[in-house]
């Protein structure tokens, strides 16, 4: 099988350790907004659950969290909710 024919691994739901990374503009309310969106999908998350990595110049922050995702639809829903905010630059 060539690299082009390989399929990505299938994620089975519910998934307890799904990694979400959100990159956005550093500023007041950014972390609280991301937390408010994600906690609707995993009530166990707190703002302390995030690993925060500032960009070199301090303009952006990367928030990484491992969370429980119940259903595949939740991934597209939370991505849409996050991307609706102008401060969000990328959701992985």
N, C-alpha and C. Protein backbone atom coordinates (compact mmCIF):
# COMPACT_ATOMS: atom_id res chain seq x y z
N UNK A 1 0.85 -1.17 0.00
CA UNK A 1 0.00 0.00 0.00
C UNK A 1 0.90 1.24 0.00
N UNK A 2 0.63 2.17 -0.90
CA UNK A 2 1.42 3.40 -0.97
C UNK A 2 0.90 4.40 0.06
N UNK A 3 1.70 5.43 0.28
CA UNK A 3 1.32 6.48 1.23
C UNK A 3 0.00 7.12 0.81
N UNK A 4 -0.21 7.32 -0.48
CA UNK A 4 -1.43 7.94 -0.97
C UNK A 4 -2.66 7.07 -0.70
N UNK A 5 -2.47 5.76 -0.60
CA UNK A 5 -3.60 4.86 -0.37
C UNK A 5 -3.90 4.66 1.11
N UNK A 6 -3.02 5.07 1.99
CA UNK A 6 -3.24 4.87 3.42
C UNK A 6 -4.39 5.74 3.90
N UNK A 7 -5.21 5.17 4.76
CA UNK A 7 -6.32 5.89 5.35
C UNK A 7 -5.92 6.39 6.73
N UNK A 8 -6.40 7.58 7.12
CA UNK A 8 -6.11 8.04 8.46
C UNK A 8 -6.77 7.11 9.48
N UNK A 9 -6.22 7.04 10.68
CA UNK A 9 -6.82 6.16 11.68
C UNK A 9 -8.24 6.60 12.01
N UNK A 10 -9.09 5.65 12.21
CA UNK A 10 -10.50 5.93 12.54
C UNK A 10 -10.59 6.22 14.03
N UNK A 11 -11.25 7.32 14.36
CA UNK A 11 -11.46 7.68 15.76
C UNK A 11 -12.76 7.04 16.21
N UNK A 12 -12.71 6.38 17.35
CA UNK A 12 -13.91 5.77 17.90
C UNK A 12 -14.48 6.67 18.98
N UNK A 13 -15.78 6.87 18.92
CA UNK A 13 -16.46 7.74 19.88
C UNK A 13 -17.30 6.91 20.82
N UNK A 14 -17.40 7.31 22.09
CA UNK A 14 -16.76 8.47 22.68
C UNK A 14 -15.26 8.30 22.76
N UNK A 15 -14.55 9.44 22.70
CA UNK A 15 -13.09 9.46 22.75
C UNK A 15 -12.68 10.29 23.97
N UNK A 16 -11.95 9.68 24.91
CA UNK A 16 -11.62 10.34 26.17
C UNK A 16 -10.45 11.31 26.09
N UNK A 17 -9.55 11.13 25.17
CA UNK A 17 -8.34 11.97 25.13
C UNK A 17 -8.16 12.63 23.77
N UNK A 18 -9.18 13.32 23.30
CA UNK A 18 -9.09 13.99 22.01
C UNK A 18 -8.39 15.33 22.20
N UNK A 19 -7.34 15.57 21.43
CA UNK A 19 -6.58 16.82 21.56
C UNK A 19 -7.19 17.90 20.68
N UNK A 20 -7.45 19.04 21.29
CA UNK A 20 -7.91 20.23 20.57
C UNK A 20 -6.85 21.30 20.79
N UNK A 21 -6.47 21.98 19.71
CA UNK A 21 -5.54 23.11 19.81
C UNK A 21 -6.22 24.31 19.16
N UNK A 22 -6.25 25.41 19.90
CA UNK A 22 -6.87 26.63 19.42
C UNK A 22 -5.82 27.73 19.46
N UNK A 23 -5.61 28.39 18.32
CA UNK A 23 -4.66 29.49 18.24
C UNK A 23 -5.47 30.76 18.00
N UNK A 24 -5.18 31.78 18.82
CA UNK A 24 -5.92 33.02 18.68
C UNK A 24 -5.15 34.21 19.19
N UNK A 25 -5.76 35.37 19.03
CA UNK A 25 -5.15 36.62 19.47
C UNK A 25 -5.09 36.66 20.99
N UNK A 26 -3.93 36.99 21.53
CA UNK A 26 -3.79 37.17 22.96
C UNK A 26 -4.61 38.39 23.38
N UNK A 27 -5.32 38.25 24.47
CA UNK A 27 -6.07 39.41 24.95
C UNK A 27 -7.12 38.99 25.95
N UNK A 28 -7.75 39.98 26.57
CA UNK A 28 -8.75 39.71 27.59
C UNK A 28 -9.90 38.87 27.01
N UNK A 29 -10.25 37.85 27.74
CA UNK A 29 -11.40 37.04 27.37
C UNK A 29 -11.15 35.90 26.41
N UNK A 30 -9.96 35.83 25.81
CA UNK A 30 -9.70 34.77 24.83
C UNK A 30 -9.81 33.39 25.47
N UNK A 31 -9.08 33.16 26.54
CA UNK A 31 -9.12 31.85 27.21
C UNK A 31 -10.51 31.54 27.74
N UNK A 32 -11.15 32.54 28.32
CA UNK A 32 -12.49 32.33 28.88
C UNK A 32 -13.48 31.95 27.78
N UNK A 33 -13.36 32.57 26.61
CA UNK A 33 -14.25 32.24 25.49
C UNK A 33 -14.04 30.79 25.05
N UNK A 34 -12.78 30.41 24.85
CA UNK A 34 -12.48 29.04 24.41
C UNK A 34 -12.99 28.04 25.45
N UNK A 35 -12.76 28.32 26.71
CA UNK A 35 -13.24 27.45 27.78
C UNK A 35 -14.76 27.34 27.75
N UNK A 36 -15.45 28.47 27.59
CA UNK A 36 -16.92 28.47 27.58
C UNK A 36 -17.48 27.61 26.45
N UNK A 37 -16.83 27.62 25.30
CA UNK A 37 -17.28 26.77 24.19
C UNK A 37 -17.01 25.30 24.51
N UNK A 38 -15.79 24.98 24.90
CA UNK A 38 -15.41 23.58 25.06
C UNK A 38 -16.08 22.91 26.26
N UNK A 39 -16.36 23.66 27.31
CA UNK A 39 -16.97 23.06 28.51
C UNK A 39 -18.40 22.57 28.21
N UNK A 40 -19.01 23.09 27.17
CA UNK A 40 -20.35 22.59 26.78
C UNK A 40 -20.27 21.16 26.25
N UNK A 41 -19.08 20.75 25.81
CA UNK A 41 -18.89 19.41 25.28
C UNK A 41 -18.20 18.48 26.27
N UNK A 42 -17.50 19.05 27.24
CA UNK A 42 -16.84 18.26 28.29
C UNK A 42 -16.87 19.09 29.58
N UNK A 43 -17.84 18.79 30.43
CA UNK A 43 -18.07 19.58 31.65
C UNK A 43 -16.93 19.49 32.65
N UNK A 44 -15.99 18.56 32.46
CA UNK A 44 -14.89 18.42 33.41
C UNK A 44 -13.76 19.41 33.18
N UNK A 45 -13.80 20.15 32.07
CA UNK A 45 -12.71 21.08 31.75
C UNK A 45 -12.76 22.32 32.63
N UNK A 46 -11.58 22.79 33.00
CA UNK A 46 -11.45 24.09 33.65
C UNK A 46 -10.43 24.88 32.84
N UNK A 47 -10.31 26.17 33.12
CA UNK A 47 -9.30 26.95 32.41
C UNK A 47 -7.91 26.44 32.73
N UNK A 48 -7.75 25.78 33.88
CA UNK A 48 -6.45 25.19 34.24
C UNK A 48 -6.14 23.94 33.42
N UNK A 49 -7.13 23.41 32.69
CA UNK A 49 -6.93 22.22 31.86
C UNK A 49 -6.09 22.52 30.63
N UNK A 50 -5.98 23.79 30.25
CA UNK A 50 -5.29 24.18 29.03
C UNK A 50 -3.79 24.31 29.24
N UNK A 51 -3.03 23.84 28.26
CA UNK A 51 -1.61 24.16 28.19
C UNK A 51 -1.52 25.39 27.30
N UNK A 52 -0.95 26.46 27.81
CA UNK A 52 -0.90 27.74 27.10
C UNK A 52 0.52 27.97 26.60
N UNK A 53 0.63 28.24 25.29
CA UNK A 53 1.93 28.54 24.68
C UNK A 53 1.82 29.87 23.95
N UNK A 54 2.51 30.90 24.45
CA UNK A 54 2.47 32.19 23.75
C UNK A 54 3.37 32.16 22.51
N UNK A 55 3.02 32.98 21.53
CA UNK A 55 3.89 33.10 20.35
C UNK A 55 5.14 33.88 20.74
N UNK A 56 6.12 33.85 19.88
CA UNK A 56 7.39 34.51 20.15
C UNK A 56 7.22 36.01 20.43
N UNK A 57 6.35 36.65 19.67
CA UNK A 57 6.16 38.09 19.86
C UNK A 57 5.02 38.42 20.83
N UNK A 58 4.33 37.39 21.35
CA UNK A 58 3.26 37.60 22.32
C UNK A 58 1.93 38.02 21.73
N UNK A 59 1.82 38.05 20.42
CA UNK A 59 0.57 38.48 19.78
C UNK A 59 -0.49 37.37 19.80
N UNK A 60 -0.06 36.12 19.76
CA UNK A 60 -0.97 34.98 19.72
C UNK A 60 -0.71 34.04 20.89
N UNK A 61 -1.73 33.24 21.19
CA UNK A 61 -1.61 32.16 22.18
C UNK A 61 -2.13 30.89 21.56
N UNK A 62 -1.50 29.80 21.91
CA UNK A 62 -1.98 28.48 21.52
C UNK A 62 -2.48 27.80 22.78
N UNK A 63 -3.72 27.36 22.76
CA UNK A 63 -4.31 26.64 23.88
C UNK A 63 -4.49 25.19 23.46
N UNK A 64 -3.92 24.27 24.21
CA UNK A 64 -4.03 22.85 23.92
C UNK A 64 -4.71 22.18 25.09
N UNK A 65 -5.68 21.33 24.78
CA UNK A 65 -6.39 20.61 25.84
C UNK A 65 -6.77 19.23 25.32
N UNK A 66 -6.76 18.27 26.22
CA UNK A 66 -7.27 16.93 25.91
C UNK A 66 -8.63 16.84 26.57
N UNK A 67 -9.63 16.44 25.79
CA UNK A 67 -10.98 16.43 26.31
C UNK A 67 -11.76 15.22 25.81
N UNK A 68 -12.90 14.98 26.43
CA UNK A 68 -13.77 13.89 26.02
C UNK A 68 -14.73 14.41 24.96
N UNK A 69 -14.80 13.69 23.86
CA UNK A 69 -15.74 14.00 22.78
C UNK A 69 -16.70 12.82 22.69
N UNK A 70 -17.98 13.09 22.88
CA UNK A 70 -18.99 12.03 22.88
C UNK A 70 -19.32 11.52 21.47
N UNK A 71 -19.51 12.48 20.54
CA UNK A 71 -19.94 12.09 19.19
C UNK A 71 -19.16 12.90 18.15
N UNK A 72 -19.02 12.33 16.99
CA UNK A 72 -18.29 12.98 15.90
C UNK A 72 -18.87 14.35 15.55
N UNK A 73 -20.18 14.48 15.62
CA UNK A 73 -20.83 15.76 15.29
C UNK A 73 -20.37 16.88 16.22
N UNK A 74 -20.00 16.52 17.45
CA UNK A 74 -19.54 17.53 18.40
C UNK A 74 -18.28 18.22 17.90
N UNK A 75 -17.44 17.49 17.19
CA UNK A 75 -16.21 18.10 16.66
C UNK A 75 -16.52 19.22 15.68
N UNK A 76 -17.40 18.96 14.73
CA UNK A 76 -17.73 20.01 13.76
C UNK A 76 -18.47 21.16 14.44
N UNK A 77 -19.34 20.84 15.40
CA UNK A 77 -20.06 21.89 16.11
C UNK A 77 -19.12 22.81 16.87
N UNK A 78 -18.19 22.23 17.63
CA UNK A 78 -17.30 23.08 18.42
C UNK A 78 -16.34 23.85 17.53
N UNK A 79 -15.90 23.26 16.41
CA UNK A 79 -15.05 23.99 15.47
C UNK A 79 -15.79 25.21 14.92
N UNK A 80 -17.04 25.04 14.55
CA UNK A 80 -17.84 26.15 14.02
C UNK A 80 -18.02 27.24 15.06
N UNK A 81 -18.32 26.85 16.30
CA UNK A 81 -18.51 27.82 17.36
C UNK A 81 -17.23 28.61 17.63
N UNK A 82 -16.11 27.93 17.65
CA UNK A 82 -14.84 28.62 17.90
C UNK A 82 -14.49 29.55 16.75
N UNK A 83 -14.60 29.06 15.51
CA UNK A 83 -14.21 29.85 14.34
C UNK A 83 -15.12 31.06 14.11
N UNK A 84 -16.28 31.10 14.76
CA UNK A 84 -17.19 32.23 14.62
C UNK A 84 -16.65 33.49 15.31
N UNK A 85 -15.67 33.32 16.20
CA UNK A 85 -15.10 34.46 16.92
C UNK A 85 -13.89 34.99 16.14
N UNK A 86 -13.83 36.31 15.98
CA UNK A 86 -12.75 36.93 15.19
C UNK A 86 -11.36 36.75 15.79
N UNK A 87 -11.27 36.46 17.08
CA UNK A 87 -9.96 36.29 17.71
C UNK A 87 -9.31 34.95 17.36
N UNK A 88 -10.12 33.98 16.95
CA UNK A 88 -9.62 32.64 16.66
C UNK A 88 -8.98 32.62 15.28
N UNK A 89 -7.71 32.16 15.23
CA UNK A 89 -6.98 32.08 13.97
C UNK A 89 -6.96 30.67 13.40
N UNK A 90 -6.96 29.66 14.28
CA UNK A 90 -6.84 28.27 13.82
C UNK A 90 -7.38 27.34 14.90
N UNK A 91 -8.06 26.29 14.45
CA UNK A 91 -8.52 25.23 15.36
C UNK A 91 -8.05 23.91 14.76
N UNK A 92 -7.29 23.16 15.55
CA UNK A 92 -6.77 21.87 15.10
C UNK A 92 -7.26 20.78 16.03
